Protein backbone atom coordinates (compact mmCIF):
# COMPACT_ATOMS: atom_id res chain seq x y z
CA LYS A 1 10.79 31.14 -32.45
CA ALA A 2 6.97 30.57 -32.70
CA LYS A 3 6.51 33.77 -30.47
CA GLU A 4 8.61 35.73 -32.96
CA SER A 5 6.87 34.46 -36.10
CA ILE A 6 3.55 35.33 -34.64
CA ALA A 7 4.78 38.81 -33.81
CA THR A 8 6.04 39.38 -37.23
CA THR A 9 3.30 37.82 -39.22
CA PRO A 10 0.22 37.53 -36.94
CA GLU A 11 -2.12 36.80 -39.86
CA ASN A 12 -0.29 33.15 -39.92
CA ALA A 13 -0.81 32.71 -36.18
CA ASP A 14 -3.02 29.67 -36.53
CA ALA A 15 -0.42 27.91 -38.93
CA ILE A 16 2.33 28.65 -36.74
CA MET A 17 0.58 27.24 -33.61
CA ASP A 18 -0.29 24.16 -35.51
CA ASP A 19 3.34 23.47 -36.50
CA LEU A 20 4.44 24.29 -32.85
CA VAL A 21 1.93 21.64 -31.52
CA ALA A 22 3.00 19.00 -34.10
CA CYS A 23 6.67 19.49 -33.13
CA VAL A 24 5.91 19.16 -29.32
CA GLU A 25 3.68 16.01 -30.17
CA SER A 26 6.38 14.45 -32.01
CA SER A 27 9.13 15.15 -29.37
CA THR A 28 6.84 13.76 -26.58
CA SER A 29 6.04 10.61 -28.45
CA GLU A 30 9.69 9.90 -29.09
CA ALA A 31 10.56 10.46 -25.35
CA LEU A 32 7.51 8.36 -24.24
CA GLU A 33 8.58 5.45 -26.54
CA LYS A 34 12.03 5.52 -25.32
CA SER A 35 10.79 5.66 -21.66
CA ASN A 36 8.42 2.63 -22.47
CA LYS A 37 11.29 0.54 -23.70
CA GLU A 38 13.30 1.14 -20.82
CA ILE A 39 10.46 0.26 -18.48
CA GLU A 40 10.11 -2.95 -20.53
CA PHE A 41 13.78 -3.82 -20.27
CA GLN A 42 13.73 -3.05 -16.53
CA ALA A 43 10.82 -5.38 -16.13
CA GLY A 44 12.37 -8.14 -18.08
CA VAL A 45 15.53 -7.73 -16.14
CA ARG A 46 13.37 -7.83 -12.91
CA THR A 47 11.49 -11.27 -14.08
CA ASN A 48 14.78 -12.88 -14.96
CA MET A 49 16.31 -11.99 -11.62
CA ALA A 50 13.06 -13.06 -9.83
CA ASP A 51 13.54 -16.70 -11.43
CA LEU A 52 17.22 -16.97 -10.30
CA LEU A 53 16.39 -15.57 -6.74
CA GLU A 54 13.45 -18.17 -6.21
CA THR A 55 15.94 -21.01 -7.28
CA TYR A 56 18.50 -19.87 -4.90
CA VAL A 57 16.16 -19.42 -1.75
CA CYS A 58 14.44 -22.93 -2.56
CA SER A 59 17.85 -24.64 -2.58
CA ASP A 60 18.74 -23.07 0.77
CA PRO A 61 16.85 -24.62 3.79
CA ASN A 62 18.23 -21.89 5.99
CA PHE A 63 17.09 -19.04 4.05
CA ASN A 64 15.12 -16.55 6.32
CA MET A 65 11.61 -15.44 5.63
CA THR A 66 11.00 -11.84 4.49
CA GLU A 67 10.51 -9.37 7.16
CA PRO A 68 7.07 -8.01 7.31
CA ASP A 69 6.42 -4.40 6.62
CA GLU A 70 3.89 -4.14 9.71
CA GLU A 71 3.02 -6.69 12.49
CA HIS A 72 -0.22 -6.75 14.45
CA GLY A 73 -0.44 -9.63 16.85
CA SER A 74 -1.06 -12.60 14.85
CA VAL A 75 -1.13 -10.65 11.45
CA LYS A 76 1.93 -9.90 9.47
CA VAL A 77 1.56 -7.37 6.61
CA MET A 78 4.19 -8.42 4.04
CA LEU A 79 3.34 -6.06 1.41
CA ASP A 80 0.68 -3.40 0.95
CA GLY A 81 0.42 -1.94 -2.52
CA LYS A 82 -2.09 -0.26 -4.79
CA THR A 83 -3.04 -3.27 -6.53
CA ILE A 84 -1.23 -6.12 -4.54
CA LYS A 85 -1.59 -6.89 -0.76
CA VAL A 86 -0.10 -9.77 0.86
CA ILE A 87 -0.84 -10.86 4.56
CA MET A 88 0.15 -13.76 6.69
CA ILE A 89 -2.33 -14.72 9.51
CA ALA A 90 -1.45 -17.12 12.32
CA ASP A 91 -3.91 -19.63 13.71
CA PHE A 92 -6.61 -19.09 10.80
CA VAL A 93 -7.65 -22.66 10.70
CA ASN A 94 -7.74 -25.27 13.39
CA GLU A 95 -7.01 -29.06 13.42
CA LYS A 96 -10.78 -30.02 13.39
CA GLU A 97 -11.28 -27.75 10.42
CA CYS A 98 -8.51 -29.13 8.54
CA GLU A 99 -9.58 -32.63 9.28
CA ALA A 100 -12.95 -31.94 8.02
CA MET A 101 -11.73 -30.59 4.70
CA GLU A 102 -9.10 -33.37 4.34
CA LYS A 103 -11.99 -35.81 4.93
CA ALA A 104 -14.04 -34.29 2.17
CA ALA A 105 -11.12 -34.17 -0.21
CA ASP A 106 -9.73 -37.66 0.24
CA PHE A 107 -12.00 -39.54 -2.20
CA LYS A 108 -11.73 -36.96 -4.60
CA LEU A 109 -7.85 -36.42 -4.83
CA ARG A 110 -6.37 -36.70 -8.37
CA ALA A 111 -2.92 -35.89 -9.75
CA ALA A 112 -2.34 -32.28 -10.26
CA GLY A 113 -0.72 -31.17 -13.73
CA ILE A 114 0.28 -27.54 -12.71
CA SER A 115 3.19 -28.29 -10.30
CA GLY A 116 5.99 -29.16 -12.54
CA GLU A 117 7.71 -32.53 -11.51
CA GLY A 118 6.47 -32.37 -7.79
CA LYS A 119 4.17 -35.11 -6.64
CA VAL A 120 0.94 -33.35 -5.95
CA ALA A 121 -2.66 -34.18 -5.66
CA LEU A 122 -5.71 -31.96 -5.56
CA ALA A 123 -9.44 -32.19 -5.04
CA GLY A 124 -12.36 -29.72 -5.03
CA ILE A 125 -14.40 -29.46 -1.86
CA GLU A 126 -17.93 -28.01 -2.20
CA ILE A 127 -18.94 -25.41 0.51
CA PRO A 128 -22.46 -26.08 1.81
CA TRP A 129 -23.23 -22.18 2.38
CA ASP A 130 -26.74 -22.89 3.56
CA LYS A 131 -25.54 -25.03 6.67
CA ARG A 132 -24.87 -22.61 9.40
CA ASN A 133 -23.04 -25.06 11.58
CA ASN A 134 -21.08 -27.03 9.04
CA VAL A 135 -17.48 -26.89 9.70
CA ILE A 136 -16.41 -26.32 6.16
CA ALA A 137 -18.96 -23.54 5.61
CA THR A 138 -17.65 -21.97 8.65
CA VAL A 139 -14.16 -21.70 7.20
CA GLY A 140 -15.56 -20.51 3.95
CA ARG A 141 -17.46 -17.70 5.77
CA ARG A 142 -14.34 -16.72 7.78
CA VAL A 143 -12.45 -16.15 4.49
CA ILE A 144 -15.15 -14.13 3.05
CA ASP A 145 -15.30 -12.10 6.29
CA TYR A 146 -11.57 -11.45 6.08
CA ALA A 147 -11.65 -10.38 2.58
CA LYS A 148 -14.45 -7.96 3.37
CA SER A 149 -12.21 -6.44 6.25
CA GLN A 150 -9.73 -5.57 3.47
CA ASN A 151 -12.38 -3.48 1.69
CA LEU A 152 -13.21 -6.05 -1.10
CA ASP A 153 -16.69 -6.25 -2.22
CA VAL A 154 -17.36 -10.01 -1.96
CA SER A 155 -20.10 -12.51 -0.80
CA ASP A 156 -20.37 -16.19 -0.85
CA GLU A 157 -22.57 -15.95 -3.82
CA GLY A 158 -20.74 -17.31 -7.11
CA GLN A 159 -17.70 -18.49 -5.06
CA GLU A 160 -15.57 -21.33 -6.47
CA ASN A 161 -15.16 -24.56 -4.41
CA ILE A 162 -12.20 -24.83 -1.93
CA LEU A 163 -9.31 -26.72 -3.50
CA SER A 164 -7.18 -28.97 -1.30
CA PHE A 165 -3.68 -29.56 -2.32
CA GLN A 166 -1.46 -32.41 -0.99
CA SER A 167 2.29 -32.79 -1.80
CA VAL A 168 4.68 -35.25 -0.55
CA VAL A 169 8.33 -36.02 -1.13
CA PRO A 170 8.71 -37.88 -4.54
CA GLY A 171 10.21 -41.34 -4.44
CA LYS A 172 13.84 -42.17 -4.55
CA ASP A 173 13.71 -42.48 -8.48
CA GLU A 174 11.44 -39.25 -8.93
CA GLU A 175 12.61 -35.78 -9.56
CA ILE A 176 11.82 -33.16 -7.06
CA GLY A 177 9.91 -30.53 -8.75
CA ARG A 178 8.91 -26.82 -7.96
CA ASP A 179 5.40 -25.58 -7.82
CA LEU A 180 5.23 -23.57 -11.04
CA PRO A 181 4.52 -19.80 -10.91
CA SER A 182 0.90 -19.14 -11.36
CA CYS A 183 -1.35 -15.99 -11.04
CA ASP A 184 -4.91 -15.98 -9.94
CA GLY A 185 -5.73 -12.64 -11.31
CA GLU A 186 -5.18 -11.42 -14.89
CA CYS A 187 -1.36 -10.90 -14.77
CA ALA A 188 -1.00 -11.85 -18.27
CA ASP A 189 -3.52 -9.18 -19.66
CA PRO A 190 -3.94 -6.80 -16.67
CA THR A 191 -7.09 -4.48 -16.96
CA LYS A 192 -9.84 -3.30 -14.86
CA VAL A 193 -11.61 -5.96 -12.86
CA GLN A 194 -14.57 -7.67 -14.73
CA PRO A 195 -17.61 -9.42 -13.39
CA GLY A 196 -16.48 -12.97 -12.38
CA ASN A 197 -12.73 -12.10 -12.04
CA ARG A 198 -10.93 -13.54 -9.06
CA ILE A 199 -9.52 -10.54 -6.83
CA ALA A 200 -8.05 -12.28 -3.94
CA THR A 201 -6.86 -15.61 -2.72
CA MET A 202 -6.53 -17.35 0.63
CA VAL A 203 -4.08 -20.01 1.06
CA MET A 204 -4.60 -22.16 4.42
CA HIS A 205 -1.89 -24.31 5.67
CA CYS A 206 -3.05 -27.61 7.53
CA LYS A 207 0.12 -29.25 7.27
CA VAL A 208 3.67 -27.99 6.56
CA PRO A 209 6.94 -29.95 5.61
CA THR A 210 9.80 -30.05 7.78
CA GLN A 211 11.89 -28.81 4.96
CA GLY A 212 10.70 -26.96 1.69
CA GLY A 213 7.26 -25.93 0.77
CA ALA A 214 7.86 -22.21 1.31
CA ALA A 215 5.70 -19.78 -0.65
CA ASN A 216 7.26 -17.30 -2.98
CA PHE A 217 5.86 -14.06 -4.58
CA ARG A 218 8.86 -13.94 -6.97
CA ASN A 219 8.22 -10.53 -8.51
CA ALA A 220 7.46 -9.08 -5.14
CA GLY A 221 10.59 -10.33 -3.56
CA LEU A 222 8.84 -12.24 -0.93
CA HIS A 223 9.74 -15.49 0.63
CA LEU A 224 7.03 -16.86 3.16
CA ILE A 225 7.62 -19.76 5.47
CA PRO A 226 4.11 -20.80 6.76
CA LYS A 227 3.25 -22.59 9.95
CA VAL A 228 0.57 -25.11 10.79
CA GLY A 229 -2.91 -23.41 10.91
CA SER A 230 -1.57 -20.29 9.36
CA ALA A 231 -2.92 -18.65 6.08
CA ILE A 232 -1.63 -16.34 3.37
CA PHE A 233 -4.15 -13.66 2.21
CA TYR A 234 -3.22 -11.92 -1.04
CA SER A 235 -5.39 -9.50 -3.11
CA TYR A 236 -4.53 -8.18 -6.65
CA VAL A 237 -6.85 -5.25 -7.31
CA ASP A 238 -6.90 -1.57 -6.51
CA VAL A 239 -10.11 -1.12 -4.78
CA GLU A 240 -10.40 2.40 -5.66
CA THR A 241 -9.56 2.29 -9.37
CA GLU A 242 -10.63 -1.39 -9.99
CA ASN A 243 -7.19 -1.92 -11.77
CA MET A 244 -5.69 -5.54 -11.52
CA ASP A 245 -2.37 -6.36 -10.65
CA THR A 246 0.27 -6.62 -13.25
CA GLY A 247 2.28 -9.51 -11.96
CA PHE A 248 3.41 -9.11 -8.42
CA SER A 249 0.90 -11.52 -7.33
CA ILE A 250 2.34 -14.33 -9.23
CA ARG A 251 2.80 -16.98 -6.62
CA SER A 252 4.89 -20.37 -6.47
CA ALA A 253 6.14 -22.69 -3.77
CA CYS A 254 9.56 -24.26 -3.04
CA PRO A 255 9.45 -28.17 -3.44
CA VAL A 256 8.61 -30.40 -0.53
CA VAL A 257 12.19 -31.82 0.42
CA GLU A 258 11.05 -33.56 3.60
CA GLY A 259 7.72 -34.25 5.01
CA GLU A 260 4.32 -33.51 3.71
CA SER A 261 2.35 -30.18 2.73
CA LYS A 262 -1.54 -29.97 2.92
CA ILE A 263 -2.97 -26.74 1.89
CA VAL A 264 -6.59 -25.56 1.07
CA THR A 265 -7.45 -22.40 -0.84
């Protein structure tokens, strides 16, 4: 119709084109708004299903661990996306290193308020980066080196202390709680990475319970059952665009039902 109008009244070509552009913009905006509403609805459904699925897998002690996408020796690549990467590494820390970190944490342990009704204590462990032969510094450098191997631009400068988490089975009259979902990145308000933002996490397992304690990335559909000495590395930034993850890196853990869990991160 615009083409016919221009052919019959060429002197009004500019006005006709302006009307055409306005019409297209209006139609496109309506289509985008409808599409965005559908995306929001689907995201809400996925989030609600993720909560139900996590409740289910945590209640079934025989539920199998998610199969890896790739496996290279002691390394299992569980998820390799643009803004989220989850990798399990066997034998990342040894008994001597775990003992050193546990000893450094023992006198600092305090109740943690982030784990629902679970019985959890945490402590911060300072890393003596300047001591080359220090066991804890050796672990810290290993974590940094692994992050670099995943193309992340990190160094020991400005890094946070190691956190030690210890979970045990609650007493007879205490309720068993589940580690509440948490996000180390900027899931609530994702944007491009900013100076000082966390971009990756390494969770090392020094002691695992005989039942419970599995790690869940609920929005990514991952259920991970760690072994003693293993580590879970996950990053939440696109190294090319610097866009942060939008929620797939949200992590939680099933409650400790039998035994004890000791992790450092």
